[in-house]
Amino acid sequence: DMALTVTTSVYEVKCHKPDIKMNKLVQSGMKIGKDVIGTTVNTLLFAYLGESMILFAYLRMQKQSLGILLNSRLLFQNCIFMIFGALSCVLVIPISTLLMKKLCGGNHDR
């Protein structure tokens, strides 16, 4: 989702301003990504936190102690997925921006 947002936005900027310099195009892509990253990461975090709350409720219904809940493998997996999901959303911004620069014909400034 994040890569699609950045790449289509950079493409639209290039279509509407065909004479834009490539470094300005990259700056535009990074700014667009920075503007969108907050909502994307928040959505991921709240989805994983909601899933963890369901896990807590299930394990509490099974009469598990708080120590077992916090040491749960499933909880750890959810935390790892949450961290890697957020990191991948952040890393996809510069990667997709630079790929669009290359696709728009930009190894050099025009």
N, C-alpha and C. Protein backbone atom coordinates (compact mmCIF):
# COMPACT_ATOMS: atom_id res chain seq x y z
N ASP A 1 0.83 -1.19 0.00
CA ASP A 1 0.00 0.00 0.00
C ASP A 1 0.87 1.25 0.00
N MET A 2 1.89 1.23 0.84
CA MET A 2 2.77 2.40 0.93
C MET A 2 3.54 2.61 -0.37
N ALA A 3 4.06 1.53 -0.95
CA ALA A 3 4.81 1.64 -2.20
C ALA A 3 3.91 2.14 -3.33
N LEU A 4 2.68 1.67 -3.36
CA LEU A 4 1.75 2.12 -4.39
C LEU A 4 1.44 3.60 -4.25
N THR A 5 1.26 4.06 -3.02
CA THR A 5 0.99 5.47 -2.78
C THR A 5 2.14 6.34 -3.25
N VAL A 6 3.35 5.95 -2.90
CA VAL A 6 4.52 6.76 -3.27
C VAL A 6 4.76 6.72 -4.77
N THR A 7 4.72 5.54 -5.38
CA THR A 7 5.03 5.45 -6.80
C THR A 7 3.99 6.16 -7.67
N THR A 8 2.72 6.01 -7.35
CA THR A 8 1.71 6.71 -8.16
C THR A 8 1.80 8.22 -7.96
N SER A 9 2.12 8.65 -6.76
CA SER A 9 2.26 10.09 -6.53
C SER A 9 3.46 10.66 -7.28
N VAL A 10 4.57 9.96 -7.26
CA VAL A 10 5.76 10.42 -8.00
C VAL A 10 5.47 10.42 -9.50
N TYR A 11 4.78 9.41 -9.97
CA TYR A 11 4.42 9.35 -11.39
C TYR A 11 3.53 10.53 -11.78
N GLU A 12 2.56 10.84 -10.94
CA GLU A 12 1.68 11.98 -11.22
C GLU A 12 2.44 13.30 -11.23
N VAL A 13 3.37 13.45 -10.29
CA VAL A 13 4.18 14.67 -10.28
C VAL A 13 4.97 14.77 -11.58
N LYS A 14 5.57 13.66 -12.01
CA LYS A 14 6.35 13.65 -13.25
C LYS A 14 5.47 13.93 -14.46
N CYS A 15 4.24 13.41 -14.48
CA CYS A 15 3.34 13.65 -15.60
C CYS A 15 2.91 15.12 -15.69
N HIS A 16 2.66 15.72 -14.54
CA HIS A 16 2.20 17.12 -14.52
C HIS A 16 3.34 18.12 -14.65
N LYS A 17 4.56 17.69 -14.32
CA LYS A 17 5.74 18.56 -14.46
C LYS A 17 6.84 17.76 -15.13
N PRO A 18 6.74 17.56 -16.44
CA PRO A 18 7.73 16.71 -17.12
C PRO A 18 9.15 17.26 -17.09
N ASP A 19 9.31 18.55 -16.88
CA ASP A 19 10.64 19.15 -16.86
C ASP A 19 11.23 19.25 -15.45
N ILE A 20 10.64 18.57 -14.48
CA ILE A 20 11.12 18.64 -13.10
C ILE A 20 12.49 17.96 -12.99
N LYS A 21 13.35 18.53 -12.19
CA LYS A 21 14.66 17.91 -11.97
C LYS A 21 14.48 16.66 -11.13
N MET A 22 15.36 15.69 -11.36
CA MET A 22 15.22 14.40 -10.68
C MET A 22 15.40 14.51 -9.17
N ASN A 23 16.27 15.39 -8.70
CA ASN A 23 16.42 15.51 -7.25
C ASN A 23 15.16 16.11 -6.62
N LYS A 24 14.47 16.98 -7.35
CA LYS A 24 13.19 17.52 -6.86
C LYS A 24 12.12 16.43 -6.87
N LEU A 25 12.18 15.55 -7.85
CA LEU A 25 11.22 14.45 -7.92
C LEU A 25 11.42 13.51 -6.73
N VAL A 26 12.67 13.23 -6.40
CA VAL A 26 12.96 12.37 -5.24
C VAL A 26 12.51 13.05 -3.96
N GLN A 27 12.79 14.34 -3.83
CA GLN A 27 12.34 15.08 -2.64
C GLN A 27 10.83 15.06 -2.52
N SER A 28 10.14 15.18 -3.64
CA SER A 28 8.68 15.12 -3.64
C SER A 28 8.18 13.76 -3.18
N GLY A 29 8.80 12.70 -3.67
CA GLY A 29 8.41 11.34 -3.26
C GLY A 29 8.65 11.11 -1.78
N MET A 30 9.78 11.58 -1.27
CA MET A 30 10.08 11.42 0.15
C MET A 30 9.10 12.22 1.01
N LYS A 31 8.73 13.41 0.56
CA LYS A 31 7.76 14.22 1.32
C LYS A 31 6.39 13.56 1.33
N ILE A 32 5.99 13.02 0.21
CA ILE A 32 4.70 12.32 0.14
C ILE A 32 4.72 11.12 1.07
N GLY A 33 5.80 10.35 1.04
CA GLY A 33 5.92 9.19 1.93
C GLY A 33 5.89 9.58 3.39
N LYS A 34 6.57 10.68 3.72
CA LYS A 34 6.60 11.15 5.10
C LYS A 34 5.20 11.59 5.56
N ASP A 35 4.44 12.16 4.65
CA ASP A 35 3.08 12.59 5.00
C ASP A 35 2.14 11.42 5.24
N VAL A 36 2.37 10.31 4.58
CA VAL A 36 1.46 9.17 4.64
C VAL A 36 1.89 8.13 5.68
N ILE A 37 3.15 8.13 6.07
CA ILE A 37 3.69 7.07 6.93
C ILE A 37 2.97 6.98 8.27
N GLY A 38 2.60 8.09 8.85
CA GLY A 38 1.95 8.08 10.16
C GLY A 38 0.67 7.26 10.19
N THR A 39 -0.18 7.49 9.22
CA THR A 39 -1.45 6.76 9.22
C THR A 39 -1.24 5.28 8.93
N THR A 40 -0.29 4.97 8.06
CA THR A 40 -0.04 3.56 7.72
C THR A 40 0.50 2.79 8.92
N VAL A 41 1.49 3.36 9.59
CA VAL A 41 2.08 2.68 10.75
C VAL A 41 1.06 2.58 11.88
N ASN A 42 0.27 3.62 12.10
CA ASN A 42 -0.77 3.56 13.13
C ASN A 42 -1.77 2.45 12.84
N THR A 43 -2.17 2.31 11.60
CA THR A 43 -3.11 1.25 11.22
C THR A 43 -2.52 -0.12 11.54
N LEU A 44 -1.25 -0.32 11.17
CA LEU A 44 -0.60 -1.60 11.47
C LEU A 44 -0.51 -1.85 12.97
N LEU A 45 -0.07 -0.86 13.71
CA LEU A 45 0.10 -1.03 15.14
C LEU A 45 -1.22 -1.36 15.83
N PHE A 46 -2.27 -0.63 15.48
CA PHE A 46 -3.56 -0.88 16.12
C PHE A 46 -4.13 -2.24 15.71
N ALA A 47 -3.87 -2.68 14.49
CA ALA A 47 -4.33 -4.01 14.07
C ALA A 47 -3.64 -5.09 14.90
N TYR A 48 -2.33 -4.98 15.07
CA TYR A 48 -1.61 -5.99 15.85
C TYR A 48 -1.93 -5.89 17.34
N LEU A 49 -2.14 -4.69 17.84
CA LEU A 49 -2.52 -4.56 19.24
C LEU A 49 -3.91 -5.15 19.49
N GLY A 50 -4.80 -4.95 18.55
CA GLY A 50 -6.13 -5.56 18.67
C GLY A 50 -6.06 -7.07 18.65
N GLU A 51 -5.19 -7.60 17.80
CA GLU A 51 -5.01 -9.05 17.76
C GLU A 51 -4.40 -9.56 19.06
N SER A 52 -3.48 -8.81 19.63
CA SER A 52 -2.87 -9.20 20.90
C SER A 52 -3.88 -9.17 22.04
N MET A 53 -4.81 -8.21 22.00
CA MET A 53 -5.84 -8.16 23.04
C MET A 53 -6.74 -9.38 22.98
N ILE A 54 -7.04 -9.84 21.78
CA ILE A 54 -7.84 -11.07 21.64
C ILE A 54 -7.07 -12.25 22.21
N LEU A 55 -5.75 -12.29 21.95
CA LEU A 55 -4.91 -13.34 22.51
C LEU A 55 -4.91 -13.29 24.03
N PHE A 56 -4.78 -12.09 24.60
CA PHE A 56 -4.83 -11.94 26.06
C PHE A 56 -6.15 -12.44 26.62
N ALA A 57 -7.25 -12.05 25.97
CA ALA A 57 -8.56 -12.47 26.45
C ALA A 57 -8.70 -13.99 26.40
N TYR A 58 -8.24 -14.60 25.31
CA TYR A 58 -8.32 -16.05 25.18
C TYR A 58 -7.50 -16.75 26.26
N LEU A 59 -6.27 -16.30 26.45
CA LEU A 59 -5.41 -16.95 27.44
C LEU A 59 -5.92 -16.71 28.86
N ARG A 60 -6.53 -15.56 29.12
CA ARG A 60 -7.12 -15.31 30.45
C ARG A 60 -8.32 -16.22 30.69
N MET A 61 -9.07 -16.49 29.63
CA MET A 61 -10.21 -17.41 29.78
C MET A 61 -9.72 -18.81 30.09
N GLN A 62 -8.51 -19.14 29.66
CA GLN A 62 -7.92 -20.44 29.94
C GLN A 62 -7.25 -20.48 31.32
N LYS A 63 -7.42 -19.40 32.09
CA LYS A 63 -6.88 -19.28 33.46
C LYS A 63 -5.34 -19.29 33.48
N GLN A 64 -4.74 -18.66 32.49
CA GLN A 64 -3.28 -18.55 32.44
C GLN A 64 -2.84 -17.35 33.28
N SER A 65 -1.66 -17.45 33.88
CA SER A 65 -1.15 -16.35 34.70
C SER A 65 -0.58 -15.25 33.81
N LEU A 66 -0.36 -14.08 34.42
CA LEU A 66 0.19 -12.94 33.68
C LEU A 66 1.59 -13.26 33.15
N GLY A 67 2.38 -13.98 33.93
CA GLY A 67 3.72 -14.36 33.48
C GLY A 67 3.69 -15.22 32.23
N ILE A 68 2.77 -16.17 32.19
CA ILE A 68 2.63 -17.02 31.00
C ILE A 68 2.14 -16.20 29.82
N LEU A 69 1.24 -15.25 30.08
CA LEU A 69 0.75 -14.38 29.01
C LEU A 69 1.89 -13.57 28.40
N LEU A 70 2.73 -12.97 29.25
CA LEU A 70 3.81 -12.12 28.75
C LEU A 70 4.92 -12.93 28.10
N ASN A 71 5.07 -14.18 28.48
CA ASN A 71 6.08 -15.05 27.88
C ASN A 71 5.53 -15.88 26.73
N SER A 72 4.32 -15.60 26.32
CA SER A 72 3.67 -16.37 25.26
C SER A 72 4.40 -16.20 23.93
N ARG A 73 4.58 -17.30 23.25
CA ARG A 73 5.22 -17.28 21.93
C ARG A 73 4.37 -16.50 20.93
N LEU A 74 3.07 -16.64 21.01
CA LEU A 74 2.18 -15.93 20.10
C LEU A 74 2.28 -14.42 20.30
N LEU A 75 2.38 -13.97 21.55
CA LEU A 75 2.54 -12.55 21.82
C LEU A 75 3.85 -12.03 21.25
N PHE A 76 4.91 -12.81 21.43
CA PHE A 76 6.21 -12.43 20.88
C PHE A 76 6.15 -12.35 19.36
N GLN A 77 5.50 -13.31 18.72
CA GLN A 77 5.36 -13.28 17.26
C GLN A 77 4.59 -12.05 16.81
N ASN A 78 3.53 -11.70 17.53
CA ASN A 78 2.77 -10.50 17.17
C ASN A 78 3.63 -9.24 17.29
N CYS A 79 4.45 -9.18 18.33
CA CYS A 79 5.34 -8.02 18.50
C CYS A 79 6.36 -7.94 17.38
N ILE A 80 6.93 -9.08 16.99
CA ILE A 80 7.91 -9.10 15.91
C ILE A 80 7.24 -8.70 14.59
N PHE A 81 6.05 -9.22 14.31
CA PHE A 81 5.34 -8.83 13.09
C PHE A 81 5.05 -7.34 13.08
N MET A 82 4.68 -6.79 14.23
CA MET A 82 4.39 -5.37 14.34
C MET A 82 5.64 -4.54 14.04
N ILE A 83 6.77 -4.93 14.60
CA ILE A 83 8.02 -4.18 14.39
C ILE A 83 8.47 -4.28 12.93
N PHE A 84 8.47 -5.49 12.39
CA PHE A 84 8.89 -5.64 11.00
C PHE A 84 7.92 -4.98 10.02
N GLY A 85 6.64 -4.98 10.33
CA GLY A 85 5.67 -4.29 9.49
C GLY A 85 5.92 -2.79 9.46
N ALA A 86 6.18 -2.21 10.62
CA ALA A 86 6.46 -0.78 10.69
C ALA A 86 7.77 -0.44 9.97
N LEU A 87 8.81 -1.26 10.19
CA LEU A 87 10.09 -1.02 9.52
C LEU A 87 9.98 -1.13 8.00
N SER A 88 9.23 -2.11 7.54
CA SER A 88 9.08 -2.26 6.09
C SER A 88 8.32 -1.09 5.48
N CYS A 89 7.35 -0.54 6.20
CA CYS A 89 6.63 0.64 5.71
C CYS A 89 7.56 1.84 5.60
N VAL A 90 8.46 1.97 6.56
CA VAL A 90 9.41 3.09 6.53
C VAL A 90 10.44 2.89 5.42
N LEU A 91 10.94 1.68 5.25
CA LEU A 91 11.98 1.42 4.25
C LEU A 91 11.47 1.46 2.82
N VAL A 92 10.20 1.19 2.62
CA VAL A 92 9.68 1.15 1.25
C VAL A 92 9.59 2.55 0.64
N ILE A 93 9.58 3.59 1.45
CA ILE A 93 9.49 4.95 0.92
C ILE A 93 10.70 5.30 0.06
N PRO A 94 11.93 5.24 0.61
CA PRO A 94 13.06 5.59 -0.26
C PRO A 94 13.29 4.59 -1.40
N ILE A 95 13.00 3.32 -1.16
CA ILE A 95 13.20 2.33 -2.21
C ILE A 95 12.27 2.59 -3.39
N SER A 96 10.99 2.79 -3.12
CA SER A 96 10.04 3.03 -4.22
C SER A 96 10.28 4.38 -4.88
N THR A 97 10.72 5.38 -4.11
CA THR A 97 11.02 6.69 -4.70
C THR A 97 12.21 6.58 -5.66
N LEU A 98 13.26 5.88 -5.24
CA LEU A 98 14.43 5.75 -6.11
C LEU A 98 14.14 4.88 -7.34
N LEU A 99 13.30 3.87 -7.18
CA LEU A 99 12.91 3.06 -8.34
C LEU A 99 12.11 3.89 -9.34
N MET A 100 11.24 4.75 -8.84
CA MET A 100 10.48 5.62 -9.75
C MET A 100 11.38 6.64 -10.42
N LYS A 101 12.39 7.10 -9.72
CA LYS A 101 13.36 8.01 -10.34
C LYS A 101 14.04 7.30 -11.51
N LYS A 102 14.43 6.07 -11.29
CA LYS A 102 15.08 5.29 -12.35
C LYS A 102 14.12 5.04 -13.52
N LEU A 103 12.87 4.70 -13.21
CA LEU A 103 11.89 4.44 -14.27
C LEU A 103 11.52 5.70 -15.04
N CYS A 104 11.59 6.85 -14.38
CA CYS A 104 11.27 8.10 -15.06
C CYS A 104 12.47 8.63 -15.85
N GLY A 105 13.53 7.85 -15.91
CA GLY A 105 14.67 8.23 -16.72
C GLY A 105 15.64 9.14 -16.01
N GLY A 106 15.84 8.91 -14.75
CA GLY A 106 16.67 9.84 -14.00
C GLY A 106 17.92 9.27 -13.38
N ASN A 107 18.95 9.08 -14.16
CA ASN A 107 20.26 8.82 -13.58
C ASN A 107 21.04 10.13 -13.45
N HIS A 108 20.52 11.15 -14.07
CA HIS A 108 21.16 12.46 -14.05
C HIS A 108 20.10 13.54 -13.91
N ASP A 109 20.49 14.73 -13.52
CA ASP A 109 19.55 15.84 -13.38
C ASP A 109 19.29 16.47 -14.75
N ARG A 110 18.07 16.82 -14.95
CA ARG A 110 17.70 17.50 -16.20
C ARG A 110 17.52 18.97 -15.91
